[in-house]
Amino acid sequence: MSEIANTPKAPYYAVIFTNHRTDGDNGYGAMADRMVELAAEQAGFLGVESARDSVGITISYWKDLKSIKLWKQNTEHLLAQKNGKSIWYAEFKVRISKVERDYGFSI
């Protein structure tokens, strides 16, 4: 079971990245690990959740839109984006949403 991000009280933002991968790893696993590590170092980063079955879904949580914009412009992240388009993804979609409310349950 993957970790559920421990986000603060809303409001905050979610970047929802859904994708279909191409065949083979081609360096994807190492870069994906590096992107999580790098994102965690960015100002405004709140957490990340990821799952993969037939569709990959990664949701990163951010304090504000400025933090998301700065992350998108990060030099290493720009390289990962370029490789994503040319090597790793058959298709993807990014959605940015404001989280107005959240609640949950845990044993």
PDB file of N, CA and C in Angstrom:
ATOM      1  N   MET A   1       0.850  -1.179   0.000  1.00  0.00           N
ATOM      2  CA  MET A   1       0.000   0.000   0.000  1.00  0.00           C
ATOM      3  C   MET A   1       0.889   1.233   0.000  1.00  0.00           C
ATOM      4  N   SER A   2       0.582   2.220  -0.835  1.00  0.00           N
ATOM      5  CA  SER A   2       1.370   3.441  -0.869  1.00  0.00           C
ATOM      6  C   SER A   2       0.929   4.371   0.255  1.00  0.00           C
ATOM      7  N   GLU A   3       1.770   5.316   0.527  1.00  0.00           N
ATOM      8  CA  GLU A   3       1.484   6.291   1.578  1.00  0.00           C
ATOM      9  C   GLU A   3       0.437   7.293   1.115  1.00  0.00           C
ATOM     10  N   ILE A   4      -0.387   7.726   2.050  1.00  0.00           N
ATOM     11  CA  ILE A   4      -1.327   8.812   1.804  1.00  0.00           C
ATOM     12  C   ILE A   4      -0.686  10.068   2.361  1.00  0.00           C
ATOM     13  N   ALA A   5      -0.608  11.102   1.553  1.00  0.00           N
ATOM     14  CA  ALA A   5       0.051  12.345   1.954  1.00  0.00           C
ATOM     15  C   ALA A   5      -0.657  12.970   3.151  1.00  0.00           C
ATOM     16  N   ASN A   6       0.120  13.471   4.069  1.00  0.00           N
ATOM     17  CA  ASN A   6      -0.399  14.159   5.248  1.00  0.00           C
ATOM     18  C   ASN A   6      -0.460  15.653   4.934  1.00  0.00           C
ATOM     19  N   THR A   7      -1.550  16.076   4.334  1.00  0.00           N
ATOM     20  CA  THR A   7      -1.694  17.463   3.905  1.00  0.00           C
ATOM     21  C   THR A   7      -2.247  18.339   5.028  1.00  0.00           C
ATOM     22  N   PRO A   8      -1.987  19.639   4.940  1.00  0.00           N
ATOM     23  CA  PRO A   8      -2.498  20.552   5.963  1.00  0.00           C
ATOM     24  C   PRO A   8      -3.987  20.831   5.764  1.00  0.00           C
ATOM     25  N   LYS A   9      -4.519  21.634   6.627  1.00  0.00           N
ATOM     26  CA  LYS A   9      -5.905  22.072   6.488  1.00  0.00           C
ATOM     27  C   LYS A   9      -6.061  22.825   5.164  1.00  0.00           C
ATOM     28  N   ALA A  10      -7.135  22.530   4.444  1.00  0.00           N
ATOM     29  CA  ALA A  10      -7.421  23.201   3.174  1.00  0.00           C
ATOM     30  C   ALA A  10      -7.686  24.683   3.443  1.00  0.00           C
ATOM     31  N   PRO A  11      -7.442  25.528   2.448  1.00  0.00           N
ATOM     32  CA  PRO A  11      -7.193  25.222   1.046  1.00  0.00           C
ATOM     33  C   PRO A  11      -5.699  25.037   0.735  1.00  0.00           C
ATOM     34  N   TYR A  12      -5.458  24.250  -0.297  1.00  0.00           N
ATOM     35  CA  TYR A  12      -4.148  24.054  -0.899  1.00  0.00           C
ATOM     36  C   TYR A  12      -4.412  23.544  -2.317  1.00  0.00           C
ATOM     37  N   TYR A  13      -3.371  23.227  -3.054  1.00  0.00           N
ATOM     38  CA  TYR A  13      -3.541  22.848  -4.452  1.00  0.00           C
ATOM     39  C   TYR A  13      -3.056  21.427  -4.714  1.00  0.00           C
ATOM     40  N   ALA A  14      -3.664  20.792  -5.708  1.00  0.00           N
ATOM     41  CA  ALA A  14      -3.275  19.453  -6.142  1.00  0.00           C
ATOM     42  C   ALA A  14      -2.948  19.499  -7.636  1.00  0.00           C
ATOM     43  N   VAL A  15      -1.811  18.916  -7.987  1.00  0.00           N
ATOM     44  CA  VAL A  15      -1.457  18.717  -9.386  1.00  0.00           C
ATOM     45  C   VAL A  15      -1.668  17.228  -9.661  1.00  0.00           C
ATOM     46  N   ILE A  16      -2.615  16.930 -10.531  1.00  0.00           N
ATOM     47  CA  ILE A  16      -3.002  15.552 -10.830  1.00  0.00           C
ATOM     48  C   ILE A  16      -2.420  15.192 -12.196  1.00  0.00           C
ATOM     49  N   PHE A  17      -1.515  14.235 -12.189  1.00  0.00           N
ATOM     50  CA  PHE A  17      -0.815  13.813 -13.402  1.00  0.00           C
ATOM     51  C   PHE A  17      -1.231  12.385 -13.726  1.00  0.00           C
ATOM     52  N   THR A  18      -1.991  12.208 -14.809  1.00  0.00           N
ATOM     53  CA  THR A  18      -2.414  10.875 -15.235  1.00  0.00           C
ATOM     54  C   THR A  18      -1.701  10.542 -16.539  1.00  0.00           C
ATOM     55  N   ASN A  19      -1.378   9.246 -16.717  1.00  0.00           N
ATOM     56  CA  ASN A  19      -0.589   8.893 -17.880  1.00  0.00           C
ATOM     57  C   ASN A  19      -0.732   7.428 -18.262  1.00  0.00           C
ATOM     58  N   HIS A  20      -0.371   7.167 -19.504  1.00  0.00           N
ATOM     59  CA  HIS A  20      -0.144   5.822 -20.016  1.00  0.00           C
ATOM     60  C   HIS A  20       1.328   5.779 -20.408  1.00  0.00           C
ATOM     61  N   ARG A  21       2.035   4.791 -19.917  1.00  0.00           N
ATOM     62  CA  ARG A  21       3.469   4.645 -20.181  1.00  0.00           C
ATOM     63  C   ARG A  21       3.717   3.939 -21.506  1.00  0.00           C
ATOM     64  N   THR A  22       4.906   4.161 -22.040  1.00  0.00           N
ATOM     65  CA  THR A  22       5.401   3.375 -23.154  1.00  0.00           C
ATOM     66  C   THR A  22       6.000   2.092 -22.576  1.00  0.00           C
ATOM     67  N   ASP A  23       6.370   1.154 -23.421  1.00  0.00           N
ATOM     68  CA  ASP A  23       6.968  -0.096 -22.962  1.00  0.00           C
ATOM     69  C   ASP A  23       8.397   0.126 -22.469  1.00  0.00           C
ATOM     70  N   GLY A  24       8.784  -0.639 -21.471  1.00  0.00           N
ATOM     71  CA  GLY A  24      10.152  -0.596 -20.955  1.00  0.00           C
ATOM     72  C   GLY A  24      10.365   0.520 -19.950  1.00  0.00           C
ATOM     73  N   ASP A  25      11.398   0.354 -19.138  1.00  0.00           N
ATOM     74  CA  ASP A  25      11.703   1.359 -18.114  1.00  0.00           C
ATOM     75  C   ASP A  25      12.449   2.551 -18.702  1.00  0.00           C
ATOM     76  N   ASN A  26      13.489   2.289 -19.476  1.00  0.00           N
ATOM     77  CA  ASN A  26      14.253   3.341 -20.150  1.00  0.00           C
ATOM     78  C   ASN A  26      14.685   4.471 -19.227  1.00  0.00           C
ATOM     79  N   GLY A  27      15.019   4.134 -17.973  1.00  0.00           N
ATOM     80  CA  GLY A  27      15.456   5.142 -17.013  1.00  0.00           C
ATOM     81  C   GLY A  27      14.339   5.825 -16.256  1.00  0.00           C
ATOM     82  N   TYR A  28      13.109   5.409 -16.528  1.00  0.00           N
ATOM     83  CA  TYR A  28      11.953   6.057 -15.905  1.00  0.00           C
ATOM     84  C   TYR A  28      11.947   5.925 -14.375  1.00  0.00           C
ATOM     85  N   GLY A  29      12.177   4.730 -13.863  1.00  0.00           N
ATOM     86  CA  GLY A  29      12.101   4.492 -12.421  1.00  0.00           C
ATOM     87  C   GLY A  29      13.039   5.396 -11.638  1.00  0.00           C
ATOM     88  N   ALA A  30      14.281   5.496 -12.096  1.00  0.00           N
ATOM     89  CA  ALA A  30      15.264   6.353 -11.414  1.00  0.00           C
ATOM     90  C   ALA A  30      14.843   7.820 -11.479  1.00  0.00           C
ATOM     91  N   MET A  31      14.350   8.253 -12.631  1.00  0.00           N
ATOM     92  CA  MET A  31      13.944   9.654 -12.757  1.00  0.00           C
ATOM     93  C   MET A  31      12.700   9.937 -11.918  1.00  0.00           C
ATOM     94  N   ALA A  32      11.773   9.013 -11.872  1.00  0.00           N
ATOM     95  CA  ALA A  32      10.573   9.208 -11.050  1.00  0.00           C
ATOM     96  C   ALA A  32      10.953   9.340  -9.582  1.00  0.00           C
ATOM     97  N   ASP A  33      11.855   8.494  -9.114  1.00  0.00           N
ATOM     98  CA  ASP A  33      12.331   8.599  -7.726  1.00  0.00           C
ATOM     99  C   ASP A  33      13.011   9.942  -7.480  1.00  0.00           C
ATOM    100  N   ARG A  34      13.819  10.369  -8.439  1.00  0.00           N
ATOM    101  CA  ARG A  34      14.518  11.654  -8.300  1.00  0.00           C
ATOM    102  C   ARG A  34      13.530  12.809  -8.273  1.00  0.00           C
ATOM    103  N   MET A  35      12.474  12.748  -9.071  1.00  0.00           N
ATOM    104  CA  MET A  35      11.504  13.843  -9.100  1.00  0.00           C
ATOM    105  C   MET A  35      10.776  13.970  -7.756  1.00  0.00           C
ATOM    106  N   VAL A  36      10.451  12.860  -7.123  1.00  0.00           N
ATOM    107  CA  VAL A  36       9.812  12.909  -5.803  1.00  0.00           C
ATOM    108  C   VAL A  36      10.776  13.516  -4.785  1.00  0.00           C
ATOM    109  N   GLU A  37      12.021  13.079  -4.841  1.00  0.00           N
ATOM    110  CA  GLU A  37      13.054  13.605  -3.946  1.00  0.00           C
ATOM    111  C   GLU A  37      13.246  15.112  -4.158  1.00  0.00           C
ATOM    112  N   LEU A  38      13.337  15.532  -5.405  1.00  0.00           N
ATOM    113  CA  LEU A  38      13.543  16.931  -5.740  1.00  0.00           C
ATOM    114  C   LEU A  38      12.325  17.782  -5.380  1.00  0.00           C
ATOM    115  N   ALA A  39      11.133  17.281  -5.674  1.00  0.00           N
ATOM    116  CA  ALA A  39       9.912  18.031  -5.345  1.00  0.00           C
ATOM    117  C   ALA A  39       9.826  18.285  -3.847  1.00  0.00           C
ATOM    118  N   ALA A  40      10.228  17.291  -3.054  1.00  0.00           N
ATOM    119  CA  ALA A  40      10.174  17.428  -1.596  1.00  0.00           C
ATOM    120  C   ALA A  40      11.082  18.534  -1.088  1.00  0.00           C
ATOM    121  N   GLU A  41      12.072  18.925  -1.875  1.00  0.00           N
ATOM    122  CA  GLU A  41      12.986  20.010  -1.504  1.00  0.00           C
ATOM    123  C   GLU A  41      12.459  21.384  -1.894  1.00  0.00           C
ATOM    124  N   GLN A  42      11.373  21.431  -2.670  1.00  0.00           N
ATOM    125  CA  GLN A  42      10.859  22.698  -3.189  1.00  0.00           C
ATOM    126  C   GLN A  42       9.978  23.406  -2.171  1.00  0.00           C
ATOM    127  N   ALA A  43      10.105  24.715  -2.126  1.00  0.00           N
ATOM    128  CA  ALA A  43       9.239  25.529  -1.264  1.00  0.00           C
ATOM    129  C   ALA A  43       7.792  25.312  -1.675  1.00  0.00           C
ATOM    130  N   GLY A  44       6.928  25.124  -0.696  1.00  0.00           N
ATOM    131  CA  GLY A  44       5.506  24.971  -0.959  1.00  0.00           C
ATOM    132  C   GLY A  44       5.048  23.548  -1.202  1.00  0.00           C
ATOM    133  N   PHE A  45       5.966  22.586  -1.286  1.00  0.00           N
ATOM    134  CA  PHE A  45       5.591  21.184  -1.502  1.00  0.00           C
ATOM    135  C   PHE A  45       4.981  20.631  -0.218  1.00  0.00           C
ATOM    136  N   LEU A  46       3.846  19.931  -0.351  1.00  0.00           N
ATOM    137  CA  LEU A  46       3.135  19.400   0.810  1.00  0.00           C
ATOM    138  C   LEU A  46       3.102  17.872   0.866  1.00  0.00           C
ATOM    139  N   GLY A  47       3.274  17.200  -0.267  1.00  0.00           N
ATOM    140  CA  GLY A  47       3.234  15.747  -0.270  1.00  0.00           C
ATOM    141  C   GLY A  47       2.909  15.214  -1.649  1.00  0.00           C
ATOM    142  N   VAL A  48       2.948  13.877  -1.757  1.00  0.00           N
ATOM    143  CA  VAL A  48       2.690  13.229  -3.049  1.00  0.00           C
ATOM    144  C   VAL A  48       2.073  11.854  -2.803  1.00  0.00           C
ATOM    145  N   GLU A  49       1.225  11.449  -3.731  1.00  0.00           N
ATOM    146  CA  GLU A  49       0.630  10.112  -3.740  1.00  0.00           C
ATOM    147  C   GLU A  49       0.712   9.594  -5.170  1.00  0.00           C
ATOM    148  N   SER A  50       0.943   8.300  -5.314  1.00  0.00           N
ATOM    149  CA  SER A  50       1.079   7.748  -6.657  1.00  0.00           C
ATOM    150  C   SER A  50       0.555   6.319  -6.700  1.00  0.00           C
ATOM    151  N   ALA A  51      -0.061   5.959  -7.824  1.00  0.00           N
ATOM    152  CA  ALA A  51      -0.548   4.600  -8.035  1.00  0.00           C
ATOM    153  C   ALA A  51      -0.455   4.288  -9.521  1.00  0.00           C
ATOM    154  N   ARG A  52      -0.247   3.009  -9.807  1.00  0.00           N
ATOM    155  CA  ARG A  52      -0.180   2.589 -11.208  1.00  0.00           C
ATOM    156  C   ARG A  52      -0.876   1.255 -11.359  1.00  0.00           C
ATOM    157  N   ASP A  53      -1.779   1.215 -12.304  1.00  0.00           N
ATOM    158  CA  ASP A  53      -2.381  -0.032 -12.762  1.00  0.00           C
ATOM    159  C   ASP A  53      -2.314   0.078 -14.275  1.00  0.00           C
ATOM    160  N   SER A  54      -3.411   0.160 -14.953  1.00  0.00           N
ATOM    161  CA  SER A  54      -3.350   0.407 -16.394  1.00  0.00           C
ATOM    162  C   SER A  54      -3.104   1.888 -16.678  1.00  0.00           C
ATOM    163  N   VAL A  55      -3.500   2.739 -15.741  1.00  0.00           N
ATOM    164  CA  VAL A  55      -3.264   4.183 -15.831  1.00  0.00           C
ATOM    165  C   VAL A  55      -2.431   4.588 -14.626  1.00  0.00           C
ATOM    166  N   GLY A  56      -1.389   5.375 -14.858  1.00  0.00           N
ATOM    167  CA  GLY A  56      -0.601   5.904 -13.751  1.00  0.00           C
ATOM    168  C   GLY A  56      -1.216   7.205 -13.278  1.00  0.00           C
ATOM    169  N   ILE A  57      -1.282   7.385 -11.963  1.00  0.00           N
ATOM    170  CA  ILE A  57      -1.818   8.614 -11.385  1.00  0.00           C
ATOM    171  C   ILE A  57      -0.863   9.060 -10.286  1.00  0.00           C
ATOM    172  N   THR A  58      -0.364  10.266 -10.409  1.00  0.00           N
ATOM    173  CA  THR A  58       0.453  10.870  -9.365  1.00  0.00           C
ATOM    174  C   THR A  58      -0.176  12.208  -9.020  1.00  0.00           C
ATOM    175  N   ILE A  59      -0.406  12.412  -7.732  1.00  0.00           N
ATOM    176  CA  ILE A  59      -0.971  13.671  -7.261  1.00  0.00           C
ATOM    177  C   ILE A  59       0.049  14.302  -6.322  1.00  0.00           C
ATOM    178  N   SER A  60       0.490  15.488  -6.673  1.00  0.00           N
ATOM    179  CA  SER A  60       1.358  16.237  -5.766  1.00  0.00           C
ATOM    180  C   SER A  60       0.561  17.398  -5.202  1.00  0.00           C
ATOM    181  N   TYR A  61       0.856  17.722  -3.940  1.00  0.00           N
ATOM    182  CA  TYR A  61       0.110  18.751  -3.229  1.00  0.00           C
ATOM    183  C   TYR A  61       1.034  19.934  -2.955  1.00  0.00           C
ATOM    184  N   TRP A  62       0.483  21.131  -3.126  1.00  0.00           N
ATOM    185  CA  TRP A  62       1.280  22.352  -3.049  1.00  0.00           C
ATOM    186  C   TRP A  62       0.546  23.439  -2.272  1.00  0.00           C
ATOM    187  N   LYS A  63       1.316  24.288  -1.640  1.00  0.00           N
ATOM    188  CA  LYS A  63       0.776  25.390  -0.837  1.00  0.00           C
ATOM    189  C   LYS A  63       0.004  26.393  -1.697  1.00  0.00           C
ATOM    190  N   ASP A  64       0.552  26.719  -2.868  1.00  0.00           N
ATOM    191  CA  ASP A  64      -0.054  27.756  -3.694  1.00  0.00           C
ATOM    192  C   ASP A  64       0.339  27.590  -5.163  1.00  0.00           C
ATOM    193  N   LEU A  65      -0.278  28.392  -6.023  1.00  0.00           N
ATOM    194  CA  LEU A  65      -0.007  28.306  -7.455  1.00  0.00           C
ATOM    195  C   LEU A  65       1.413  28.734  -7.796  1.00  0.00           C
ATOM    196  N   LYS A  66       1.971  29.675  -7.046  1.00  0.00           N
ATOM    197  CA  LYS A  66       3.347  30.119  -7.272  1.00  0.00           C
ATOM    198  C   LYS A  66       4.318  28.947  -7.092  1.00  0.00           C
ATOM    199  N   SER A  67       4.117  28.141  -6.071  1.00  0.00           N
ATOM    200  CA  SER A  67       4.975  26.974  -5.827  1.00  0.00           C
ATOM    201  C   SER A  67       4.893  25.984  -6.987  1.00  0.00           C
ATOM    202  N   ILE A  68       3.709  25.784  -7.523  1.00  0.00           N
ATOM    203  CA  ILE A  68       3.518  24.874  -8.658  1.00  0.00           C
ATOM    204  C   ILE A  68       4.257  25.409  -9.886  1.00  0.00           C
ATOM    205  N   LYS A  69       4.141  26.700 -10.117  1.00  0.00           N
ATOM    206  CA  LYS A  69       4.806  27.323 -11.266  1.00  0.00           C
ATOM    207  C   LYS A  69       6.323  27.182 -11.163  1.00  0.00           C
ATOM    208  N   LEU A  70       6.867  27.423  -9.976  1.00  0.00           N
ATOM    209  CA  LEU A  70       8.307  27.291  -9.779  1.00  0.00           C
ATOM    210  C   LEU A  70       8.762  25.839  -9.969  1.00  0.00           C
ATOM    211  N   TRP A  71       7.968  24.879  -9.516  1.00  0.00           N
ATOM    212  CA  TRP A  71       8.290  23.470  -9.706  1.00  0.00           C
ATOM    213  C   TRP A  71       8.306  23.129 -11.194  1.00  0.00           C
ATOM    214  N   LYS A  72       7.335  23.603 -11.941  1.00  0.00           N
ATOM    215  CA  LYS A  72       7.270  23.324 -13.372  1.00  0.00           C
ATOM    216  C   LYS A  72       8.502  23.852 -14.089  1.00  0.00           C
ATOM    217  N   GLN A  73       9.107  24.922 -13.571  1.00  0.00           N
ATOM    218  CA  GLN A  73      10.263  25.547 -14.208  1.00  0.00           C
ATOM    219  C   GLN A  73      11.606  25.025 -13.691  1.00  0.00           C
ATOM    220  N   ASN A  74      11.607  24.117 -12.727  1.00  0.00           N
ATOM    221  CA  ASN A  74      12.841  23.551 -12.190  1.00  0.00           C
ATOM    222  C   ASN A  74      13.630  22.875 -13.313  1.00  0.00           C
ATOM    223  N   THR A  75      14.941  23.102 -13.363  1.00  0.00           N
ATOM    224  CA  THR A  75      15.778  22.606 -14.453  1.00  0.00           C
ATOM    225  C   THR A  75      15.724  21.081 -14.604  1.00  0.00           C
ATOM    226  N   GLU A  76      15.868  20.343 -13.518  1.00  0.00           N
ATOM    227  CA  GLU A  76      15.805  18.878 -13.607  1.00  0.00           C
ATOM    228  C   GLU A  76      14.413  18.410 -13.993  1.00  0.00           C
ATOM    229  N   HIS A  77      13.400  19.097 -13.482  1.00  0.00           N
ATOM    230  CA  HIS A  77      12.028  18.742 -13.813  1.00  0.00           C
ATOM    231  C   HIS A  77      11.758  19.001 -15.302  1.00  0.00           C
ATOM    232  N   LEU A  78      12.335  20.073 -15.845  1.00  0.00           N
ATOM    233  CA  LEU A  78      12.187  20.356 -17.281  1.00  0.00           C
ATOM    234  C   LEU A  78      12.767  19.218 -18.124  1.00  0.00           C
ATOM    235  N   LEU A  79      13.912  18.671 -17.701  1.00  0.00           N
ATOM    236  CA  LEU A  79      14.505  17.540 -18.409  1.00  0.00           C
ATOM    237  C   LEU A  79      13.587  16.318 -18.329  1.00  0.00           C
ATOM    238  N   ALA A  80      13.029  16.059 -17.158  1.00  0.00           N
ATOM    239  CA  ALA A  80      12.102  14.930 -16.998  1.00  0.00           C
ATOM    240  C   ALA A  80      10.869  15.125 -17.883  1.00  0.00           C
ATOM    241  N   GLN A  81      10.370  16.351 -17.962  1.00  0.00           N
ATOM    242  CA  GLN A  81       9.216  16.624 -18.822  1.00  0.00           C
ATOM    243  C   GLN A  81       9.550  16.330 -20.281  1.00  0.00           C
ATOM    244  N   LYS A  82      10.742  16.755 -20.718  1.00  0.00           N
ATOM    245  CA  LYS A  82      11.172  16.514 -22.098  1.00  0.00           C
ATOM    246  C   LYS A  82      11.266  15.011 -22.375  1.00  0.00           C
ATOM    247  N   ASN A  83      11.898  14.266 -21.459  1.00  0.00           N
ATOM    248  CA  ASN A  83      12.013  12.823 -21.632  1.00  0.00           C
ATOM    249  C   ASN A  83      10.653  12.138 -21.556  1.00  0.00           C
ATOM    250  N   GLY A  84       9.762  12.666 -20.739  1.00  0.00           N
ATOM    251  CA  GLY A  84       8.420  12.109 -20.663  1.00  0.00           C
ATOM    252  C   GLY A  84       7.723  12.148 -22.010  1.00  0.00           C
ATOM    253  N   LYS A  85       7.850  13.267 -22.692  1.00  0.00           N
ATOM    254  CA  LYS A  85       7.205  13.425 -24.000  1.00  0.00           C
ATOM    255  C   LYS A  85       7.869  12.584 -25.080  1.00  0.00           C
ATOM    256  N   SER A  86       9.197  12.426 -24.989  1.00  0.00           N
ATOM    257  CA  SER A  86       9.904  11.736 -26.070  1.00  0.00           C
ATOM    258  C   SER A  86      10.159  10.250 -25.807  1.00  0.00           C
ATOM    259  N   ILE A  87      10.136   9.818 -24.518  1.00  0.00           N
ATOM    260  CA  ILE A  87      10.519   8.442 -24.210  1.00  0.00           C
ATOM    261  C   ILE A  87       9.464   7.685 -23.402  1.00  0.00           C
ATOM    262  N   TRP A  88       8.998   8.244 -22.284  1.00  0.00           N
ATOM    263  CA  TRP A  88       8.297   7.468 -21.265  1.00  0.00           C
ATOM    264  C   TRP A  88       6.783   7.389 -21.375  1.00  0.00           C
ATOM    265  N   TYR A  89       6.152   8.382 -21.978  1.00  0.00           N
ATOM    266  CA  TYR A  89       4.686   8.404 -21.984  1.00  0.00           C
ATOM    267  C   TYR A  89       4.112   8.300 -23.387  1.00  0.00           C
ATOM    268  N   ALA A  90       3.096   7.457 -23.513  1.00  0.00           N
ATOM    269  CA  ALA A  90       2.312   7.400 -24.743  1.00  0.00           C
ATOM    270  C   ALA A  90       1.315   8.559 -24.754  1.00  0.00           C
ATOM    271  N   GLU A  91       0.870   8.925 -23.560  1.00  0.00           N
ATOM    272  CA  GLU A  91      -0.008  10.093 -23.390  1.00  0.00           C
ATOM    273  C   GLU A  91      -0.043  10.467 -21.912  1.00  0.00           C
ATOM    274  N   PHE A  92      -0.330  11.742 -21.658  1.00  0.00           N
ATOM    275  CA  PHE A  92      -0.518  12.182 -20.273  1.00  0.00           C
ATOM    276  C   PHE A  92      -1.410  13.406 -20.231  1.00  0.00           C
ATOM    277  N   LYS A  93      -1.905  13.688 -19.050  1.00  0.00           N
ATOM    278  CA  LYS A  93      -2.727  14.876 -18.824  1.00  0.00           C
ATOM    279  C   LYS A  93      -2.386  15.413 -17.441  1.00  0.00           C
ATOM    280  N   VAL A  94      -2.292  16.731 -17.334  1.00  0.00           N
ATOM    281  CA  VAL A  94      -2.040  17.398 -16.061  1.00  0.00           C
ATOM    282  C   VAL A  94      -3.253  18.262 -15.740  1.00  0.00           C
ATOM    283  N   ARG A  95      -3.712  18.135 -14.502  1.00  0.00           N
ATOM    284  CA  ARG A  95      -4.823  18.958 -14.026  1.00  0.00           C
ATOM    285  C   ARG A  95      -4.386  19.617 -12.727  1.00  0.00           C
ATOM    286  N   ILE A  96      -4.691  20.885 -12.573  1.00  0.00           N
ATOM    287  CA  ILE A  96      -4.366  21.608 -11.347  1.00  0.00           C
ATOM    288  C   ILE A  96      -5.678  22.045 -10.711  1.00  0.00           C
ATOM    289  N   SER A  97      -5.836  21.657  -9.449  1.00  0.00           N
ATOM    290  CA  SER A  97      -7.095  21.904  -8.745  1.00  0.00           C
ATOM    291  C   SER A  97      -6.841  22.529  -7.381  1.00  0.00           C
ATOM    292  N   LYS A  98      -7.758  23.333  -6.958  1.00  0.00           N
ATOM    293  CA  LYS A  98      -7.713  23.873  -5.594  1.00  0.00           C
ATOM    294  C   LYS A  98      -8.524  22.945  -4.695  1.00  0.00           C
ATOM    295  N   VAL A  99      -7.898  22.486  -3.633  1.00  0.00           N
ATOM    296  CA  VAL A  99      -8.582  21.633  -2.660  1.00  0.00           C
ATOM    297  C   VAL A  99      -9.269  22.558  -1.663  1.00  0.00           C
ATOM    298  N   GLU A 100     -10.566  22.522  -1.650  1.00  0.00           N
ATOM    299  CA  GLU A 100     -11.356  23.383  -0.768  1.00  0.00           C
ATOM    300  C   GLU A 100     -11.639  22.723   0.578  1.00  0.00           C
ATOM    301  N   ARG A 101     -11.672  21.386   0.558  1.00  0.00           N
ATOM    302  CA  ARG A 101     -12.025  20.652   1.771  1.00  0.00           C
ATOM    303  C   ARG A 101     -11.428  19.265   1.665  1.00  0.00           C
ATOM    304  N   ASP A 102     -10.994  18.713   2.785  1.00  0.00           N
ATOM    305  CA  ASP A 102     -10.599  17.323   2.801  1.00  0.00           C
ATOM    306  C   ASP A 102     -10.969  16.703   4.154  1.00  0.00           C
ATOM    307  N   TYR A 103     -11.149  15.418   4.150  1.00  0.00           N
ATOM    308  CA  TYR A 103     -11.454  14.684   5.365  1.00  0.00           C
ATOM    309  C   TYR A 103     -11.054  13.236   5.141  1.00  0.00           C
ATOM    310  N   GLY A 104     -10.979  12.462   6.187  1.00  0.00           N
ATOM    311  CA  GLY A 104     -10.554  11.084   5.995  1.00  0.00           C
ATOM    312  C   GLY A 104     -10.820  10.213   7.201  1.00  0.00           C
ATOM    313  N   PHE A 105     -10.287   9.020   7.116  1.00  0.00           N
ATOM    314  CA  PHE A 105     -10.442   8.002   8.159  1.00  0.00           C
ATOM    315  C   PHE A 105      -9.171   7.174   8.178  1.00  0.00           C
ATOM    316  N   SER A 106      -8.772   6.741   9.344  1.00  0.00           N
ATOM    317  CA  SER A 106      -7.583   5.922   9.486  1.00  0.00           C
ATOM    318  C   SER A 106      -7.741   5.015  10.690  1.00  0.00           C
ATOM    319  N   ILE A 107      -7.286   3.779  10.575  1.00  0.00           N
ATOM    320  CA  ILE A 107      -7.334   2.852  11.703  1.00  0.00           C
ATOM    321  C   ILE A 107      -6.069   3.023  12.528  1.00  0.00           C
TER     322      ILE A 107
END
